[in-house]
Amino acid sequence: MPILRPWRPADASVLLAASADPELARQLGGRTFDDESAAAAFIATTYRFDGHARNWAIVDDGDGDGDGVVVGNVGVTAIEHTHGTAWTSYWLTPETRGRGLATRALVTAADDAFALGLHRLELGHRTNNPASCAVATRAGFRAEGVERDKLRYGDDRFDVETHARLATDPAPNVTGLRSVVSDA
């Protein structure tokens, strides 16, 4: 039973292993980690769970107690309370992609953000990543436009398609994941 929970320092080994995947390293801004302490520092500083960022570990958890294997992240970050906006992102380990987990996690994270009083959630994906586009679309995020050459990875530049979901948009017909925040 997959669930969402805040990241823990003990998840550093999973993040370290996951960052070896070139596609995931791109998602992390080209970042790979030298050791578990570097991954733990990233969790502590970047995968925060507070009033400005809510990063959820996606956990493949047989009994639902939160102690299963972390297989990804879904985040609501750059939370801006004055305008009620935030940025969303997600990633999964290669072996767990294609099971609908990212879509279900994104729906849950969006519902949580709207419950906090946010109104507009945005995300962007490289235009050469149709799987990410499908996740966004299934989770109720509407495409709004393309930003040319927005991202640079090494010497390569990528166009980014921006999507958004408003609190007033119809909810997608997707069953979210159970979330556990007692670890926050």
N, C-alpha and C. Protein backbone atom coordinates (compact mmCIF):
# COMPACT_ATOMS: atom_id res chain seq x y z
N MET A 1 0.84 -1.16 0.00
CA MET A 1 0.00 0.00 0.00
C MET A 1 0.89 1.24 0.00
N PRO A 2 0.93 1.98 -1.09
CA PRO A 2 1.75 3.20 -1.13
C PRO A 2 1.13 4.31 -0.30
N ILE A 3 1.98 5.08 0.38
CA ILE A 3 1.53 6.20 1.19
C ILE A 3 2.48 7.38 0.96
N LEU A 4 2.08 8.54 1.46
CA LEU A 4 2.94 9.71 1.49
C LEU A 4 3.25 10.04 2.94
N ARG A 5 4.50 10.43 3.19
CA ARG A 5 4.90 10.89 4.51
C ARG A 5 6.06 11.86 4.34
N PRO A 6 6.33 12.70 5.32
CA PRO A 6 7.51 13.57 5.22
C PRO A 6 8.79 12.73 5.13
N TRP A 7 9.81 13.30 4.50
CA TRP A 7 11.11 12.65 4.41
C TRP A 7 11.75 12.56 5.80
N ARG A 8 12.57 11.53 5.99
CA ARG A 8 13.29 11.31 7.25
C ARG A 8 14.79 11.26 6.95
N PRO A 9 15.62 11.62 7.92
CA PRO A 9 17.07 11.50 7.71
C PRO A 9 17.48 10.08 7.31
N ALA A 10 16.77 9.09 7.81
CA ALA A 10 17.09 7.69 7.50
C ALA A 10 16.84 7.33 6.04
N ASP A 11 16.16 8.21 5.29
CA ASP A 11 15.89 7.97 3.87
C ASP A 11 17.09 8.33 2.99
N ALA A 12 18.17 8.80 3.59
CA ALA A 12 19.32 9.27 2.81
C ALA A 12 19.89 8.19 1.91
N SER A 13 19.92 6.95 2.36
CA SER A 13 20.50 5.88 1.52
C SER A 13 19.68 5.68 0.25
N VAL A 14 18.37 5.82 0.35
CA VAL A 14 17.50 5.67 -0.82
C VAL A 14 17.74 6.82 -1.80
N LEU A 15 17.84 8.04 -1.26
CA LEU A 15 18.08 9.20 -2.12
C LEU A 15 19.45 9.10 -2.79
N LEU A 16 20.43 8.64 -2.05
CA LEU A 16 21.77 8.44 -2.61
C LEU A 16 21.72 7.46 -3.79
N ALA A 17 21.08 6.33 -3.61
CA ALA A 17 20.99 5.33 -4.68
C ALA A 17 20.17 5.86 -5.85
N ALA A 18 19.06 6.53 -5.56
CA ALA A 18 18.20 7.03 -6.64
C ALA A 18 18.90 8.08 -7.48
N SER A 19 19.76 8.89 -6.87
CA SER A 19 20.41 9.97 -7.61
C SER A 19 21.42 9.46 -8.63
N ALA A 20 21.75 8.18 -8.58
CA ALA A 20 22.65 7.61 -9.58
C ALA A 20 21.97 7.47 -10.95
N ASP A 21 20.63 7.50 -10.98
CA ASP A 21 19.89 7.44 -12.23
C ASP A 21 20.03 8.79 -12.93
N PRO A 22 20.56 8.83 -14.16
CA PRO A 22 20.77 10.11 -14.84
C PRO A 22 19.50 10.95 -14.98
N GLU A 23 18.37 10.31 -15.22
CA GLU A 23 17.12 11.06 -15.36
C GLU A 23 16.74 11.71 -14.04
N LEU A 24 16.91 10.99 -12.95
CA LEU A 24 16.60 11.57 -11.64
C LEU A 24 17.60 12.66 -11.27
N ALA A 25 18.85 12.47 -11.61
CA ALA A 25 19.85 13.52 -11.33
C ALA A 25 19.43 14.83 -12.02
N ARG A 26 18.85 14.74 -13.22
CA ARG A 26 18.32 15.93 -13.89
C ARG A 26 17.23 16.58 -13.06
N GLN A 27 16.32 15.74 -12.54
CA GLN A 27 15.22 16.25 -11.72
C GLN A 27 15.73 16.97 -10.48
N LEU A 28 16.88 16.55 -10.00
CA LEU A 28 17.48 17.16 -8.80
C LEU A 28 18.44 18.28 -9.18
N GLY A 29 18.29 18.82 -10.37
CA GLY A 29 19.13 19.93 -10.80
C GLY A 29 20.54 19.52 -11.15
N GLY A 30 20.71 18.28 -11.63
CA GLY A 30 22.04 17.79 -11.99
C GLY A 30 22.83 17.29 -10.79
N ARG A 31 22.17 17.19 -9.66
CA ARG A 31 22.84 16.84 -8.42
C ARG A 31 22.92 15.33 -8.22
N THR A 32 24.09 14.86 -7.89
CA THR A 32 24.28 13.51 -7.36
C THR A 32 24.96 13.69 -6.01
N PHE A 33 24.91 12.67 -5.19
CA PHE A 33 25.44 12.77 -3.84
C PHE A 33 26.64 11.85 -3.69
N ASP A 34 27.67 12.32 -3.00
CA ASP A 34 28.88 11.54 -2.78
C ASP A 34 28.70 10.48 -1.71
N ASP A 35 27.85 10.76 -0.73
CA ASP A 35 27.66 9.81 0.36
C ASP A 35 26.32 10.08 1.04
N GLU A 36 25.99 9.24 2.02
CA GLU A 36 24.71 9.38 2.71
C GLU A 36 24.60 10.69 3.47
N SER A 37 25.71 11.20 4.00
CA SER A 37 25.62 12.45 4.76
C SER A 37 25.24 13.61 3.83
N ALA A 38 25.71 13.60 2.60
CA ALA A 38 25.32 14.64 1.65
C ALA A 38 23.84 14.52 1.29
N ALA A 39 23.37 13.28 1.12
CA ALA A 39 21.95 13.07 0.84
C ALA A 39 21.09 13.48 2.04
N ALA A 40 21.56 13.19 3.25
CA ALA A 40 20.82 13.57 4.46
C ALA A 40 20.76 15.09 4.60
N ALA A 41 21.84 15.77 4.24
CA ALA A 41 21.85 17.23 4.29
C ALA A 41 20.85 17.80 3.29
N PHE A 42 20.76 17.19 2.11
CA PHE A 42 19.78 17.62 1.10
C PHE A 42 18.36 17.45 1.65
N ILE A 43 18.10 16.32 2.28
CA ILE A 43 16.78 16.09 2.86
C ILE A 43 16.46 17.17 3.89
N ALA A 44 17.43 17.47 4.75
CA ALA A 44 17.20 18.43 5.83
C ALA A 44 16.97 19.85 5.31
N THR A 45 17.66 20.21 4.24
CA THR A 45 17.57 21.60 3.76
C THR A 45 16.59 21.79 2.60
N THR A 46 16.42 20.78 1.77
CA THR A 46 15.60 20.93 0.56
C THR A 46 14.27 20.19 0.66
N TYR A 47 14.28 18.99 1.19
CA TYR A 47 13.04 18.21 1.31
C TYR A 47 12.36 18.49 2.64
N ARG A 48 12.21 19.78 2.90
CA ARG A 48 11.58 20.23 4.14
C ARG A 48 10.08 19.96 4.10
N PHE A 49 9.49 20.03 5.28
CA PHE A 49 8.04 19.89 5.42
C PHE A 49 7.62 20.95 6.44
N ASP A 50 7.27 22.13 5.92
CA ASP A 50 6.95 23.26 6.80
C ASP A 50 6.00 24.20 6.07
N GLY A 51 5.90 25.44 6.53
CA GLY A 51 4.97 26.39 5.95
C GLY A 51 5.35 26.90 4.58
N HIS A 52 6.58 26.63 4.13
CA HIS A 52 7.04 27.11 2.83
C HIS A 52 7.28 25.99 1.82
N ALA A 53 7.35 24.76 2.31
CA ALA A 53 7.56 23.61 1.43
C ALA A 53 7.00 22.37 2.11
N ARG A 54 6.33 21.56 1.33
CA ARG A 54 5.81 20.28 1.85
C ARG A 54 6.26 19.20 0.88
N ASN A 55 7.38 18.59 1.21
CA ASN A 55 7.92 17.49 0.40
C ASN A 55 7.52 16.17 1.03
N TRP A 56 6.87 15.36 0.21
CA TRP A 56 6.39 14.06 0.66
C TRP A 56 7.25 12.96 0.06
N ALA A 57 7.70 12.04 0.88
CA ALA A 57 8.31 10.81 0.37
C ALA A 57 7.17 9.91 -0.07
N ILE A 58 7.29 9.36 -1.27
CA ILE A 58 6.32 8.36 -1.74
C ILE A 58 6.89 7.02 -1.29
N VAL A 59 6.13 6.33 -0.44
CA VAL A 59 6.63 5.12 0.21
C VAL A 59 5.80 3.93 -0.23
N ASP A 60 6.48 2.91 -0.74
CA ASP A 60 5.83 1.64 -1.06
C ASP A 60 5.82 0.86 0.24
N ASP A 61 4.67 0.82 0.90
CA ASP A 61 4.58 0.40 2.28
C ASP A 61 3.52 -0.68 2.44
N GLY A 62 3.96 -1.90 2.65
CA GLY A 62 3.04 -3.03 2.74
C GLY A 62 1.97 -2.89 3.80
N ASP A 63 2.34 -2.44 5.01
CA ASP A 63 1.36 -2.38 6.09
C ASP A 63 0.89 -0.96 6.41
N GLY A 64 1.39 0.04 5.67
CA GLY A 64 0.91 1.39 5.85
C GLY A 64 1.42 2.13 7.06
N ASP A 65 2.50 1.62 7.68
CA ASP A 65 3.02 2.28 8.88
C ASP A 65 4.06 3.35 8.58
N GLY A 66 4.41 3.52 7.29
CA GLY A 66 5.38 4.55 6.90
C GLY A 66 6.81 4.08 6.88
N ASP A 67 7.04 2.81 7.22
CA ASP A 67 8.41 2.29 7.28
C ASP A 67 8.82 1.51 6.04
N GLY A 68 8.06 1.61 4.96
CA GLY A 68 8.40 0.90 3.74
C GLY A 68 9.54 1.57 2.99
N VAL A 69 9.66 1.24 1.72
CA VAL A 69 10.75 1.72 0.88
C VAL A 69 10.34 3.00 0.17
N VAL A 70 11.15 4.05 0.29
CA VAL A 70 10.89 5.29 -0.43
C VAL A 70 11.17 5.05 -1.91
N VAL A 71 10.19 5.41 -2.77
CA VAL A 71 10.32 5.20 -4.20
C VAL A 71 10.20 6.51 -4.99
N GLY A 72 10.04 7.63 -4.28
CA GLY A 72 9.93 8.89 -5.00
C GLY A 72 9.62 10.06 -4.09
N ASN A 73 9.35 11.19 -4.72
CA ASN A 73 9.03 12.43 -4.02
C ASN A 73 7.94 13.16 -4.79
N VAL A 74 7.07 13.80 -4.04
CA VAL A 74 6.15 14.78 -4.59
C VAL A 74 6.24 15.98 -3.67
N GLY A 75 6.44 17.14 -4.27
CA GLY A 75 6.64 18.34 -3.45
C GLY A 75 5.74 19.48 -3.87
N VAL A 76 5.35 20.24 -2.87
CA VAL A 76 4.68 21.52 -3.07
C VAL A 76 5.62 22.53 -2.43
N THR A 77 6.29 23.31 -3.25
CA THR A 77 7.34 24.19 -2.76
C THR A 77 7.09 25.63 -3.22
N ALA A 78 7.95 26.52 -2.79
CA ALA A 78 7.79 27.94 -3.10
C ALA A 78 6.38 28.40 -2.74
N ILE A 79 5.90 27.91 -1.61
CA ILE A 79 4.56 28.28 -1.16
C ILE A 79 4.55 29.78 -0.86
N GLU A 80 3.63 30.46 -1.50
CA GLU A 80 3.50 31.90 -1.38
C GLU A 80 2.08 32.19 -0.88
N HIS A 81 1.97 32.52 0.40
CA HIS A 81 0.66 32.64 1.02
C HIS A 81 -0.10 33.90 0.61
N THR A 82 0.57 34.99 0.29
CA THR A 82 -0.13 36.22 -0.09
C THR A 82 -1.01 36.00 -1.31
N HIS A 83 -0.46 35.34 -2.32
CA HIS A 83 -1.21 35.09 -3.55
C HIS A 83 -1.80 33.68 -3.60
N GLY A 84 -1.44 32.83 -2.63
CA GLY A 84 -1.99 31.48 -2.58
C GLY A 84 -1.48 30.59 -3.69
N THR A 85 -0.17 30.69 -3.99
CA THR A 85 0.41 29.91 -5.08
C THR A 85 1.55 29.02 -4.59
N ALA A 86 1.89 28.03 -5.39
CA ALA A 86 3.02 27.15 -5.09
C ALA A 86 3.43 26.43 -6.36
N TRP A 87 4.60 25.84 -6.30
CA TRP A 87 5.18 25.04 -7.38
C TRP A 87 5.13 23.58 -6.97
N THR A 88 4.76 22.70 -7.88
CA THR A 88 4.73 21.27 -7.58
C THR A 88 5.73 20.53 -8.45
N SER A 89 6.21 19.42 -7.93
CA SER A 89 7.15 18.58 -8.68
C SER A 89 7.02 17.15 -8.18
N TYR A 90 7.58 16.22 -8.95
CA TYR A 90 7.48 14.81 -8.59
C TYR A 90 8.56 14.03 -9.31
N TRP A 91 8.96 12.91 -8.71
CA TRP A 91 9.84 11.96 -9.37
C TRP A 91 9.63 10.59 -8.74
N LEU A 92 9.96 9.57 -9.51
CA LEU A 92 9.91 8.18 -9.05
C LEU A 92 11.18 7.47 -9.46
N THR A 93 11.54 6.45 -8.69
CA THR A 93 12.66 5.61 -9.08
C THR A 93 12.26 4.86 -10.36
N PRO A 94 13.24 4.52 -11.20
CA PRO A 94 12.90 3.88 -12.49
C PRO A 94 12.03 2.64 -12.37
N GLU A 95 12.28 1.81 -11.36
CA GLU A 95 11.53 0.55 -11.24
C GLU A 95 10.08 0.73 -10.81
N THR A 96 9.71 1.92 -10.36
CA THR A 96 8.32 2.13 -9.93
C THR A 96 7.52 3.01 -10.89
N ARG A 97 8.14 3.45 -11.96
CA ARG A 97 7.43 4.28 -12.93
C ARG A 97 6.41 3.45 -13.72
N GLY A 98 5.35 4.10 -14.17
CA GLY A 98 4.35 3.42 -14.99
C GLY A 98 3.26 2.72 -14.21
N ARG A 99 3.21 2.91 -12.89
CA ARG A 99 2.19 2.26 -12.05
C ARG A 99 1.12 3.24 -11.58
N GLY A 100 1.22 4.50 -11.99
CA GLY A 100 0.24 5.50 -11.57
C GLY A 100 0.54 6.16 -10.23
N LEU A 101 1.67 5.82 -9.62
CA LEU A 101 2.00 6.38 -8.31
C LEU A 101 2.22 7.89 -8.35
N ALA A 102 2.89 8.38 -9.37
CA ALA A 102 3.16 9.82 -9.45
C ALA A 102 1.85 10.60 -9.56
N THR A 103 0.92 10.12 -10.36
CA THR A 103 -0.37 10.80 -10.51
C THR A 103 -1.11 10.81 -9.19
N ARG A 104 -1.19 9.65 -8.53
CA ARG A 104 -1.91 9.56 -7.26
C ARG A 104 -1.25 10.43 -6.20
N ALA A 105 0.09 10.45 -6.18
CA ALA A 105 0.81 11.28 -5.21
C ALA A 105 0.57 12.76 -5.48
N LEU A 106 0.60 13.16 -6.74
CA LEU A 106 0.38 14.56 -7.10
C LEU A 106 -1.04 15.00 -6.72
N VAL A 107 -2.02 14.16 -6.93
CA VAL A 107 -3.40 14.49 -6.54
C VAL A 107 -3.47 14.71 -5.03
N THR A 108 -2.84 13.83 -4.26
CA THR A 108 -2.87 13.97 -2.80
C THR A 108 -2.16 15.24 -2.35
N ALA A 109 -0.99 15.51 -2.92
CA ALA A 109 -0.24 16.71 -2.54
C ALA A 109 -1.02 17.97 -2.91
N ALA A 110 -1.69 17.96 -4.06
CA ALA A 110 -2.50 19.11 -4.46
C ALA A 110 -3.68 19.30 -3.51
N ASP A 111 -4.35 18.21 -3.16
CA ASP A 111 -5.48 18.32 -2.23
C ASP A 111 -5.01 18.87 -0.89
N ASP A 112 -3.86 18.43 -0.42
CA ASP A 112 -3.29 18.95 0.83
C ASP A 112 -3.01 20.44 0.71
N ALA A 113 -2.43 20.87 -0.40
CA ALA A 113 -2.12 22.29 -0.61
C ALA A 113 -3.39 23.13 -0.65
N PHE A 114 -4.41 22.64 -1.31
CA PHE A 114 -5.66 23.38 -1.36
C PHE A 114 -6.30 23.46 0.03
N ALA A 115 -6.17 22.41 0.83
CA ALA A 115 -6.69 22.42 2.20
C ALA A 115 -5.96 23.45 3.06
N LEU A 116 -4.72 23.78 2.70
CA LEU A 116 -3.96 24.81 3.41
C LEU A 116 -4.41 26.22 3.01
N GLY A 117 -5.26 26.31 2.00
CA GLY A 117 -5.75 27.61 1.55
C GLY A 117 -5.09 28.12 0.28
N LEU A 118 -4.21 27.33 -0.34
CA LEU A 118 -3.61 27.76 -1.59
C LEU A 118 -4.65 27.71 -2.71
N HIS A 119 -4.47 28.54 -3.72
CA HIS A 119 -5.44 28.62 -4.82
C HIS A 119 -4.88 28.09 -6.15
N ARG A 120 -3.60 28.34 -6.43
CA ARG A 120 -3.03 27.99 -7.73
C ARG A 120 -1.75 27.19 -7.53
N LEU A 121 -1.68 26.03 -8.15
CA LEU A 121 -0.49 25.19 -8.14
C LEU A 121 0.04 25.08 -9.56
N GLU A 122 1.34 25.26 -9.72
CA GLU A 122 1.97 25.21 -11.04
C GLU A 122 3.00 24.09 -11.08
N LEU A 123 3.29 23.65 -12.27
CA LEU A 123 4.39 22.71 -12.49
C LEU A 123 4.87 22.88 -13.92
N GLY A 124 6.04 22.38 -14.20
CA GLY A 124 6.58 22.41 -15.55
C GLY A 124 7.32 21.12 -15.84
N HIS A 125 7.26 20.69 -17.09
CA HIS A 125 8.02 19.50 -17.49
C HIS A 125 8.68 19.78 -18.84
N ARG A 126 9.81 19.12 -19.05
CA ARG A 126 10.46 19.25 -20.36
C ARG A 126 9.49 18.74 -21.42
N THR A 127 9.45 19.40 -22.56
CA THR A 127 8.53 18.98 -23.61
C THR A 127 8.90 17.63 -24.20
N ASN A 128 10.12 17.18 -23.94
CA ASN A 128 10.52 15.85 -24.42
C ASN A 128 10.26 14.77 -23.36
N ASN A 129 9.42 15.06 -22.39
CA ASN A 129 9.08 14.10 -21.34
C ASN A 129 7.56 13.87 -21.32
N PRO A 130 7.05 13.08 -22.27
CA PRO A 130 5.60 12.89 -22.35
C PRO A 130 5.02 12.18 -21.13
N ALA A 131 5.82 11.36 -20.44
CA ALA A 131 5.30 10.67 -19.26
C ALA A 131 4.96 11.68 -18.16
N SER A 132 5.81 12.69 -17.98
CA SER A 132 5.53 13.71 -16.98
C SER A 132 4.31 14.53 -17.36
N CYS A 133 4.15 14.80 -18.64
CA CYS A 133 2.97 15.52 -19.12
C CYS A 133 1.71 14.73 -18.80
N ALA A 134 1.77 13.41 -19.00
CA ALA A 134 0.61 12.56 -18.73
C ALA A 134 0.26 12.57 -17.24
N VAL A 135 1.27 12.54 -16.37
CA VAL A 135 1.03 12.62 -14.93
C VAL A 135 0.29 13.91 -14.61
N ALA A 136 0.82 15.03 -15.09
CA ALA A 136 0.21 16.34 -14.80
C ALA A 136 -1.23 16.40 -15.29
N THR A 137 -1.46 15.94 -16.50
CA THR A 137 -2.79 16.00 -17.10
C THR A 137 -3.78 15.13 -16.33
N ARG A 138 -3.37 13.89 -16.01
CA ARG A 138 -4.26 13.00 -15.25
C ARG A 138 -4.57 13.54 -13.86
N ALA A 139 -3.64 14.31 -13.28
CA ALA A 139 -3.84 14.88 -11.94
C ALA A 139 -4.62 16.18 -11.97
N GLY A 140 -5.12 16.57 -13.15
CA GLY A 140 -5.98 17.74 -13.26
C GLY A 140 -5.26 19.05 -13.52
N PHE A 141 -3.97 18.99 -13.85
CA PHE A 141 -3.21 20.20 -14.17
C PHE A 141 -3.34 20.48 -15.66
N ARG A 142 -3.87 21.64 -16.01
CA ARG A 142 -4.09 22.01 -17.40
C ARG A 142 -2.82 22.66 -17.98
N ALA A 143 -2.52 22.31 -19.22
CA ALA A 143 -1.39 22.93 -19.91
C ALA A 143 -1.71 24.39 -20.18
N GLU A 144 -0.72 25.26 -19.96
CA GLU A 144 -0.92 26.70 -20.16
C GLU A 144 0.00 27.31 -21.20
N GLY A 145 1.10 26.65 -21.52
CA GLY A 145 1.99 27.22 -22.52
C GLY A 145 3.39 26.65 -22.42
N VAL A 146 4.22 27.03 -23.39
CA VAL A 146 5.59 26.53 -23.45
C VAL A 146 6.55 27.69 -23.24
N GLU A 147 7.51 27.47 -22.36
CA GLU A 147 8.59 28.42 -22.12
C GLU A 147 9.82 27.89 -22.86
N ARG A 148 10.25 28.65 -23.86
CA ARG A 148 11.33 28.18 -24.72
C ARG A 148 12.68 28.24 -23.99
N ASP A 149 13.47 27.17 -24.18
CA ASP A 149 14.83 27.09 -23.63
C ASP A 149 14.91 27.43 -22.15
N LYS A 150 13.92 27.06 -21.38
CA LYS A 150 13.87 27.42 -19.96
C LYS A 150 14.93 26.72 -19.13
N LEU A 151 15.14 25.42 -19.38
CA LEU A 151 16.06 24.65 -18.55
C LEU A 151 17.34 24.34 -19.31
N ARG A 152 18.44 24.29 -18.56
CA ARG A 152 19.72 23.89 -19.14
C ARG A 152 20.31 22.77 -18.29
N TYR A 153 20.62 21.69 -18.95
CA TYR A 153 21.31 20.56 -18.32
C TYR A 153 22.60 20.36 -19.12
N GLY A 154 23.72 20.71 -18.52
CA GLY A 154 24.98 20.67 -19.25
C GLY A 154 24.94 21.69 -20.37
N ASP A 155 25.20 21.23 -21.59
CA ASP A 155 25.17 22.11 -22.75
C ASP A 155 23.82 22.12 -23.47
N ASP A 156 22.87 21.32 -22.98
CA ASP A 156 21.58 21.19 -23.64
C ASP A 156 20.53 22.07 -22.97
N ARG A 157 19.72 22.72 -23.81
CA ARG A 157 18.61 23.53 -23.33
C ARG A 157 17.30 22.84 -23.69
N PHE A 158 16.29 23.02 -22.85
CA PHE A 158 15.01 22.33 -23.04
C PHE A 158 13.86 23.31 -22.89
N ASP A 159 12.88 23.17 -23.79
CA ASP A 159 11.63 23.89 -23.63
C ASP A 159 10.84 23.22 -22.50
N VAL A 160 10.04 24.02 -21.79
CA VAL A 160 9.25 23.52 -20.67
C VAL A 160 7.79 23.88 -20.89
N GLU A 161 6.92 22.89 -20.77
CA GLU A 161 5.49 23.15 -20.82
C GLU A 161 5.00 23.36 -19.39
N THR A 162 4.33 24.49 -19.16
CA THR A 162 3.81 24.82 -17.85
C THR A 162 2.36 24.36 -17.75
N HIS A 163 2.02 23.80 -16.59
CA HIS A 163 0.66 23.37 -16.28
C HIS A 163 0.25 24.04 -14.97
N ALA A 164 -1.04 24.16 -14.73
CA ALA A 164 -1.53 24.67 -13.45
C ALA A 164 -2.86 24.01 -13.12
N ARG A 165 -3.10 23.94 -11.82
CA ARG A 165 -4.40 23.48 -11.31
C ARG A 165 -4.85 24.50 -10.27
N LEU A 166 -6.09 24.91 -10.38
CA LEU A 166 -6.68 25.85 -9.45
C LEU A 166 -7.56 25.11 -8.45
N ALA A 167 -7.69 25.68 -7.28
CA ALA A 167 -8.56 25.08 -6.26
C ALA A 167 -9.99 24.97 -6.76
N THR A 168 -10.38 25.83 -7.70
CA THR A 168 -11.74 25.83 -8.24
C THR A 168 -11.92 24.90 -9.44
N ASP A 169 -10.83 24.30 -9.92
CA ASP A 169 -10.95 23.34 -11.03
C ASP A 169 -11.63 22.06 -10.55
N PRO A 170 -12.30 21.36 -11.46
CA PRO A 170 -12.89 20.07 -11.07
C PRO A 170 -11.80 19.11 -10.60
N ALA A 171 -12.11 18.35 -9.58
CA ALA A 171 -11.16 17.35 -9.09
C ALA A 171 -11.02 16.24 -10.12
N PRO A 172 -9.80 15.74 -10.33
CA PRO A 172 -9.63 14.64 -11.28
C PRO A 172 -10.23 13.35 -10.71
N ASN A 173 -10.58 12.45 -11.59
CA ASN A 173 -11.14 11.17 -11.18
C ASN A 173 -9.99 10.20 -10.88
N VAL A 174 -9.22 10.52 -9.85
CA VAL A 174 -8.05 9.73 -9.45
C VAL A 174 -8.10 9.57 -7.94
N THR A 175 -7.88 8.36 -7.49
CA THR A 175 -7.82 8.10 -6.05
C THR A 175 -6.41 8.43 -5.56
N GLY A 176 -6.33 9.36 -4.64
CA GLY A 176 -5.04 9.74 -4.09
C GLY A 176 -4.48 8.68 -3.17
N LEU A 177 -3.35 9.00 -2.57
CA LEU A 177 -2.70 8.12 -1.61
C LEU A 177 -2.99 8.59 -0.19
N ARG A 178 -2.93 7.69 0.75
CA ARG A 178 -3.06 8.08 2.15
C ARG A 178 -1.79 8.83 2.54
N SER A 179 -1.97 9.90 3.31
CA SER A 179 -0.81 10.66 3.77
C SER A 179 -0.73 10.58 5.29
N VAL A 180 0.50 10.54 5.77
CA VAL A 180 0.77 10.45 7.20
C VAL A 180 1.70 11.59 7.53
N VAL A 181 1.26 12.53 8.37
CA VAL A 181 2.09 13.69 8.69
C VAL A 181 2.63 13.65 10.11
N SER A 182 2.41 12.60 10.84
CA SER A 182 2.85 12.54 12.24
C SER A 182 4.36 12.63 12.38
N ASP A 183 5.10 12.36 11.29
CA ASP A 183 6.56 12.42 11.33
C ASP A 183 7.08 13.84 11.16
N ALA A 184 6.22 14.78 10.78
CA ALA A 184 6.68 16.13 10.47
C ALA A 184 7.22 16.84 11.69
